Amino acid sequence: MAGLRDYNGRIVIDEGEAAADVRKIDEAITKITSVYQTLDPAKIDDSRFMGAAREGFDDFLGRIRKDLSDMKTRCESAKKLINDAVAKYQRIDRELRDSMRY
């Protein structure tokens, strides 16, 4: 998210840049979800993996899937923070504008 400063040196949030960042995060979430689903051990039927090898493989996939799930959660949190910051400053701008009318 691009940060600009106003004449008082305060950071100003560019709504367009924030929206672009949210779109990029949405794209990342989509890719993470796709990879997560692809790596579902139940969907991978490979007769070369049996016994301990299959257990190790499934364990490995489980760790990767957990990491992907954690990444998706972090992306969703970042997206929420961006949207919350934009909404907060939109509200502040509205309140300042309204207070100047009187």
N, C-alpha and C. Protein backbone atom coordinates (compact mmCIF):
# COMPACT_ATOMS: atom_id res chain seq x y z
N MET A 1 0.86 -1.16 0.00
CA MET A 1 0.00 0.00 0.00
C MET A 1 0.90 1.22 0.00
N ALA A 2 0.70 2.09 -0.94
CA ALA A 2 1.51 3.30 -1.05
C ALA A 2 1.16 4.25 0.07
N GLY A 3 2.17 4.82 0.68
CA GLY A 3 1.95 5.80 1.71
C GLY A 3 2.43 7.15 1.23
N LEU A 4 1.58 8.14 1.29
CA LEU A 4 1.93 9.49 0.92
C LEU A 4 1.78 10.34 2.18
N ARG A 5 2.43 11.46 2.20
CA ARG A 5 2.33 12.34 3.36
C ARG A 5 1.61 13.63 2.98
N ASP A 6 0.77 14.11 3.89
CA ASP A 6 0.08 15.37 3.63
C ASP A 6 0.95 16.53 4.09
N TYR A 7 0.44 17.73 4.02
CA TYR A 7 1.22 18.92 4.36
C TYR A 7 1.62 18.96 5.83
N ASN A 8 0.97 18.15 6.69
CA ASN A 8 1.35 18.06 8.10
C ASN A 8 2.31 16.91 8.37
N GLY A 9 2.69 16.18 7.33
CA GLY A 9 3.60 15.06 7.48
C GLY A 9 2.93 13.75 7.86
N ARG A 10 1.60 13.77 7.93
CA ARG A 10 0.87 12.55 8.25
C ARG A 10 0.76 11.67 7.01
N ILE A 11 0.76 10.38 7.23
CA ILE A 11 0.63 9.44 6.12
C ILE A 11 -0.81 9.44 5.62
N VAL A 12 -0.94 9.49 4.30
CA VAL A 12 -2.24 9.46 3.65
C VAL A 12 -2.34 8.14 2.90
N ILE A 13 -3.44 7.45 3.08
CA ILE A 13 -3.63 6.16 2.41
C ILE A 13 -4.26 6.39 1.05
N ASP A 14 -3.65 5.82 0.05
CA ASP A 14 -4.19 5.90 -1.31
C ASP A 14 -5.16 4.73 -1.48
N GLU A 15 -6.45 5.05 -1.60
CA GLU A 15 -7.48 4.00 -1.69
C GLU A 15 -7.28 3.10 -2.90
N GLY A 16 -6.85 3.67 -4.01
CA GLY A 16 -6.61 2.87 -5.21
C GLY A 16 -5.49 1.88 -5.01
N GLU A 17 -4.41 2.33 -4.39
CA GLU A 17 -3.29 1.43 -4.11
C GLU A 17 -3.69 0.36 -3.10
N ALA A 18 -4.47 0.74 -2.12
CA ALA A 18 -4.95 -0.23 -1.12
C ALA A 18 -5.81 -1.29 -1.81
N ALA A 19 -6.68 -0.86 -2.71
CA ALA A 19 -7.53 -1.81 -3.44
C ALA A 19 -6.68 -2.74 -4.30
N ALA A 20 -5.62 -2.20 -4.92
CA ALA A 20 -4.73 -3.03 -5.73
C ALA A 20 -4.03 -4.07 -4.86
N ASP A 21 -3.61 -3.65 -3.67
CA ASP A 21 -2.99 -4.60 -2.74
C ASP A 21 -3.96 -5.70 -2.33
N VAL A 22 -5.20 -5.34 -2.08
CA VAL A 22 -6.22 -6.33 -1.70
C VAL A 22 -6.45 -7.30 -2.86
N ARG A 23 -6.46 -6.80 -4.09
CA ARG A 23 -6.62 -7.70 -5.26
C ARG A 23 -5.45 -8.68 -5.34
N LYS A 24 -4.23 -8.20 -5.10
CA LYS A 24 -3.06 -9.08 -5.12
C LYS A 24 -3.15 -10.14 -4.02
N ILE A 25 -3.62 -9.74 -2.87
CA ILE A 25 -3.79 -10.70 -1.77
C ILE A 25 -4.86 -11.72 -2.15
N ASP A 26 -5.95 -11.28 -2.76
CA ASP A 26 -7.00 -12.21 -3.21
C ASP A 26 -6.43 -13.22 -4.22
N GLU A 27 -5.58 -12.75 -5.12
CA GLU A 27 -4.95 -13.65 -6.09
C GLU A 27 -4.07 -14.67 -5.37
N ALA A 28 -3.33 -14.22 -4.37
CA ALA A 28 -2.47 -15.13 -3.60
C ALA A 28 -3.32 -16.17 -2.86
N ILE A 29 -4.43 -15.73 -2.28
CA ILE A 29 -5.32 -16.65 -1.57
C ILE A 29 -5.87 -17.70 -2.53
N THR A 30 -6.24 -17.28 -3.73
CA THR A 30 -6.75 -18.22 -4.73
C THR A 30 -5.69 -19.26 -5.09
N LYS A 31 -4.45 -18.82 -5.29
CA LYS A 31 -3.37 -19.75 -5.62
C LYS A 31 -3.08 -20.69 -4.46
N ILE A 32 -3.04 -20.15 -3.26
CA ILE A 32 -2.79 -20.98 -2.08
C ILE A 32 -3.87 -22.04 -1.94
N THR A 33 -5.12 -21.64 -2.13
CA THR A 33 -6.24 -22.58 -2.02
C THR A 33 -6.13 -23.68 -3.07
N SER A 34 -5.76 -23.30 -4.28
CA SER A 34 -5.62 -24.28 -5.36
C SER A 34 -4.52 -25.30 -5.04
N VAL A 35 -3.38 -24.81 -4.60
CA VAL A 35 -2.27 -25.71 -4.26
C VAL A 35 -2.66 -26.60 -3.08
N TYR A 36 -3.31 -26.00 -2.09
CA TYR A 36 -3.76 -26.76 -0.92
C TYR A 36 -4.63 -27.93 -1.34
N GLN A 37 -5.58 -27.67 -2.22
CA GLN A 37 -6.49 -28.73 -2.67
C GLN A 37 -5.77 -29.78 -3.51
N THR A 38 -4.81 -29.35 -4.31
CA THR A 38 -4.04 -30.28 -5.13
C THR A 38 -3.23 -31.24 -4.27
N LEU A 39 -2.76 -30.76 -3.13
CA LEU A 39 -1.90 -31.57 -2.26
C LEU A 39 -2.67 -32.37 -1.21
N ASP A 40 -3.93 -32.63 -1.47
CA ASP A 40 -4.74 -33.44 -0.55
C ASP A 40 -4.30 -34.90 -0.68
N PRO A 41 -3.74 -35.47 0.40
CA PRO A 41 -3.26 -36.85 0.33
C PRO A 41 -4.34 -37.84 -0.13
N ALA A 42 -5.59 -37.58 0.22
CA ALA A 42 -6.67 -38.49 -0.17
C ALA A 42 -6.88 -38.50 -1.68
N LYS A 43 -6.49 -37.42 -2.34
CA LYS A 43 -6.67 -37.32 -3.79
C LYS A 43 -5.47 -37.87 -4.56
N ILE A 44 -4.39 -38.14 -3.86
CA ILE A 44 -3.18 -38.63 -4.53
C ILE A 44 -3.13 -40.14 -4.35
N ASP A 45 -3.47 -40.84 -5.39
CA ASP A 45 -3.48 -42.30 -5.36
C ASP A 45 -2.30 -42.80 -6.17
N ASP A 46 -1.22 -43.09 -5.50
CA ASP A 46 -0.02 -43.54 -6.17
C ASP A 46 0.42 -44.86 -5.56
N SER A 47 0.33 -45.91 -6.32
CA SER A 47 0.65 -47.24 -5.81
C SER A 47 2.13 -47.41 -5.49
N ARG A 48 2.96 -46.46 -5.93
CA ARG A 48 4.39 -46.56 -5.59
C ARG A 48 4.62 -46.25 -4.11
N PHE A 49 3.68 -45.55 -3.51
CA PHE A 49 3.80 -45.22 -2.09
C PHE A 49 2.95 -46.18 -1.28
N MET A 50 3.62 -47.02 -0.51
CA MET A 50 2.90 -47.95 0.36
C MET A 50 3.61 -48.01 1.70
N GLY A 51 2.88 -48.38 2.71
CA GLY A 51 3.45 -48.57 4.04
C GLY A 51 4.07 -47.31 4.60
N ALA A 52 5.31 -47.45 5.08
CA ALA A 52 6.01 -46.34 5.72
C ALA A 52 6.27 -45.20 4.75
N ALA A 53 6.54 -45.54 3.50
CA ALA A 53 6.77 -44.48 2.51
C ALA A 53 5.51 -43.64 2.34
N ARG A 54 4.36 -44.28 2.30
CA ARG A 54 3.10 -43.54 2.15
C ARG A 54 2.83 -42.70 3.39
N GLU A 55 3.10 -43.25 4.57
CA GLU A 55 2.90 -42.49 5.81
C GLU A 55 3.80 -41.25 5.83
N GLY A 56 5.07 -41.45 5.41
CA GLY A 56 5.99 -40.31 5.36
C GLY A 56 5.54 -39.26 4.36
N PHE A 57 5.07 -39.74 3.22
CA PHE A 57 4.57 -38.84 2.17
C PHE A 57 3.37 -38.06 2.67
N ASP A 58 2.43 -38.76 3.29
CA ASP A 58 1.23 -38.10 3.81
C ASP A 58 1.59 -37.10 4.91
N ASP A 59 2.56 -37.46 5.75
CA ASP A 59 3.01 -36.55 6.81
C ASP A 59 3.62 -35.29 6.19
N PHE A 60 4.44 -35.48 5.18
CA PHE A 60 5.07 -34.36 4.48
C PHE A 60 4.01 -33.45 3.86
N LEU A 61 3.04 -34.05 3.17
CA LEU A 61 1.95 -33.26 2.59
C LEU A 61 1.16 -32.53 3.67
N GLY A 62 0.97 -33.19 4.80
CA GLY A 62 0.25 -32.56 5.91
C GLY A 62 0.96 -31.31 6.40
N ARG A 63 2.29 -31.38 6.51
CA ARG A 63 3.06 -30.20 6.95
C ARG A 63 2.98 -29.08 5.93
N ILE A 64 3.07 -29.44 4.65
CA ILE A 64 2.97 -28.42 3.60
C ILE A 64 1.58 -27.78 3.63
N ARG A 65 0.56 -28.60 3.76
CA ARG A 65 -0.82 -28.08 3.79
C ARG A 65 -1.04 -27.18 5.00
N LYS A 66 -0.43 -27.52 6.14
CA LYS A 66 -0.56 -26.65 7.32
C LYS A 66 0.11 -25.31 7.04
N ASP A 67 1.30 -25.34 6.44
CA ASP A 67 1.99 -24.09 6.09
C ASP A 67 1.14 -23.25 5.13
N LEU A 68 0.54 -23.90 4.14
CA LEU A 68 -0.33 -23.19 3.20
C LEU A 68 -1.54 -22.58 3.91
N SER A 69 -2.11 -23.35 4.82
CA SER A 69 -3.26 -22.85 5.58
C SER A 69 -2.87 -21.64 6.42
N ASP A 70 -1.69 -21.71 7.04
CA ASP A 70 -1.20 -20.57 7.83
C ASP A 70 -0.96 -19.35 6.94
N MET A 71 -0.41 -19.58 5.74
CA MET A 71 -0.19 -18.47 4.81
C MET A 71 -1.51 -17.83 4.40
N LYS A 72 -2.51 -18.65 4.14
CA LYS A 72 -3.82 -18.14 3.76
C LYS A 72 -4.42 -17.31 4.89
N THR A 73 -4.28 -17.79 6.12
CA THR A 73 -4.78 -17.04 7.27
C THR A 73 -4.07 -15.69 7.39
N ARG A 74 -2.76 -15.67 7.18
CA ARG A 74 -2.01 -14.41 7.25
C ARG A 74 -2.44 -13.46 6.14
N CYS A 75 -2.67 -14.00 4.95
CA CYS A 75 -3.15 -13.16 3.83
C CYS A 75 -4.51 -12.55 4.17
N GLU A 76 -5.39 -13.36 4.71
CA GLU A 76 -6.72 -12.86 5.07
C GLU A 76 -6.63 -11.79 6.15
N SER A 77 -5.70 -11.98 7.11
CA SER A 77 -5.50 -10.97 8.15
C SER A 77 -4.97 -9.67 7.57
N ALA A 78 -4.01 -9.77 6.65
CA ALA A 78 -3.45 -8.58 6.01
C ALA A 78 -4.53 -7.84 5.22
N LYS A 79 -5.34 -8.59 4.51
CA LYS A 79 -6.44 -8.00 3.74
C LYS A 79 -7.40 -7.25 4.66
N LYS A 80 -7.73 -7.86 5.80
CA LYS A 80 -8.63 -7.23 6.77
C LYS A 80 -8.01 -5.96 7.33
N LEU A 81 -6.72 -6.00 7.65
CA LEU A 81 -6.05 -4.81 8.17
C LEU A 81 -6.09 -3.66 7.16
N ILE A 82 -5.83 -3.98 5.90
CA ILE A 82 -5.86 -2.94 4.86
C ILE A 82 -7.27 -2.36 4.74
N ASN A 83 -8.26 -3.25 4.64
CA ASN A 83 -9.65 -2.77 4.50
C ASN A 83 -10.08 -1.98 5.72
N ASP A 84 -9.69 -2.41 6.91
CA ASP A 84 -10.05 -1.69 8.13
C ASP A 84 -9.38 -0.31 8.18
N ALA A 85 -8.12 -0.24 7.75
CA ALA A 85 -7.41 1.05 7.75
C ALA A 85 -8.08 2.02 6.78
N VAL A 86 -8.41 1.54 5.59
CA VAL A 86 -9.08 2.41 4.60
C VAL A 86 -10.42 2.88 5.15
N ALA A 87 -11.20 1.96 5.72
CA ALA A 87 -12.51 2.33 6.27
C ALA A 87 -12.37 3.35 7.40
N LYS A 88 -11.35 3.16 8.24
CA LYS A 88 -11.12 4.09 9.36
C LYS A 88 -10.84 5.50 8.83
N TYR A 89 -9.95 5.59 7.86
CA TYR A 89 -9.60 6.92 7.36
C TYR A 89 -10.71 7.52 6.50
N GLN A 90 -11.51 6.70 5.86
CA GLN A 90 -12.68 7.23 5.17
C GLN A 90 -13.66 7.83 6.18
N ARG A 91 -13.84 7.15 7.31
CA ARG A 91 -14.73 7.65 8.36
C ARG A 91 -14.18 8.96 8.94
N ILE A 92 -12.88 9.00 9.20
CA ILE A 92 -12.27 10.22 9.74
C ILE A 92 -12.42 11.37 8.75
N ASP A 93 -12.16 11.11 7.48
CA ASP A 93 -12.33 12.14 6.45
C ASP A 93 -13.77 12.65 6.41
N ARG A 94 -14.72 11.72 6.49
CA ARG A 94 -16.15 12.10 6.47
C ARG A 94 -16.47 12.97 7.68
N GLU A 95 -15.99 12.57 8.86
CA GLU A 95 -16.26 13.33 10.07
C GLU A 95 -15.64 14.72 10.00
N LEU A 96 -14.41 14.81 9.48
CA LEU A 96 -13.77 16.12 9.34
C LEU A 96 -14.53 17.00 8.35
N ARG A 97 -14.92 16.41 7.24
CA ARG A 97 -15.68 17.15 6.24
C ARG A 97 -17.00 17.66 6.81
N ASP A 98 -17.69 16.76 7.56
CA ASP A 98 -18.96 17.14 8.16
C ASP A 98 -18.78 18.24 9.21
N SER A 99 -17.71 18.17 9.97
CA SER A 99 -17.49 19.18 11.02
C SER A 99 -17.15 20.56 10.43
N MET A 100 -16.60 20.58 9.22
CA MET A 100 -16.25 21.85 8.58
C MET A 100 -17.47 22.52 7.97
N ARG A 101 -18.54 21.80 7.80
CA ARG A 101 -19.74 22.37 7.20
C ARG A 101 -20.49 23.28 8.17
N TYR A 102 -20.24 23.12 9.44
CA TYR A 102 -20.99 23.90 10.45
C TYR A 102 -20.22 25.06 10.95
